[in-house]
């Protein structure tokens, strides 16, 4: 009796082997691609960070021009300890705020950027806090009285589009401009995002109008501004050229 020849490509073993080989090939290609793109991704993040810092003082730029303008207008990068003393040998730009906030305050470091733009001095403070679903973060710049806000930028990891995600919009960011962070007695109170009849022209009330339907995100913005800024009070109190009386 003549035996029928078996086509090995139709066997289960061959199919399994082929699948394993394809998985390994695809995984290798993806790993190689991810590794290859890492330097580009890191550079994009670095440039976007420069863009955000510059935007707080009114300097808008694309990623390609960020480095040049950053080098032009950011005249000092400081890393401070909880007493407001500069820490030598540290790179403020490389400080990971997410990691810092997991530490006790006494172990944290506090990056600070000093800008000179159009003959005026600005102090730029990184912000990070909690929104409704995930972290919110950004930068806020203070004029040389360290009381008046020049500008702010905000971003998030997972706020709801049309609600909490509105913190990234220009109209919301602009509402912080010229607001004061100290009350009339010289106490740091930050700027609160609140519902109600807010007069946008009153820049001494320490308040901006809330985003409709985004109360928790707004509270997160309020909390992170006051919490982060108060960490810089020891440094600001040491500066003899600051014009405002700080309690």
Foldseek 3Di string as FASTA:
>chain_A
DDDDDDDVCPDPVVVVVVVVVVVVVVVVVVVVVCVVCVVVVVLQVLLVQLQQQVVQQPDHDDSVCSVVVSVVWFPDKFKAALLQDGDPPDDLSPDDVVVQVVDPSRPHIFIWTWTQDPNWIKIKGKWWWAFDPGIKIWIWIDGLLNFFTQWIAIQTDDDDPPFLRCSRPPVNGVLRHRATQAAPVQEGQAAAADDDDDDSVPRRPSYGHHTPPRVRSRRGVSVRRSVRSVSNVSNSVPDPPRDYDHD
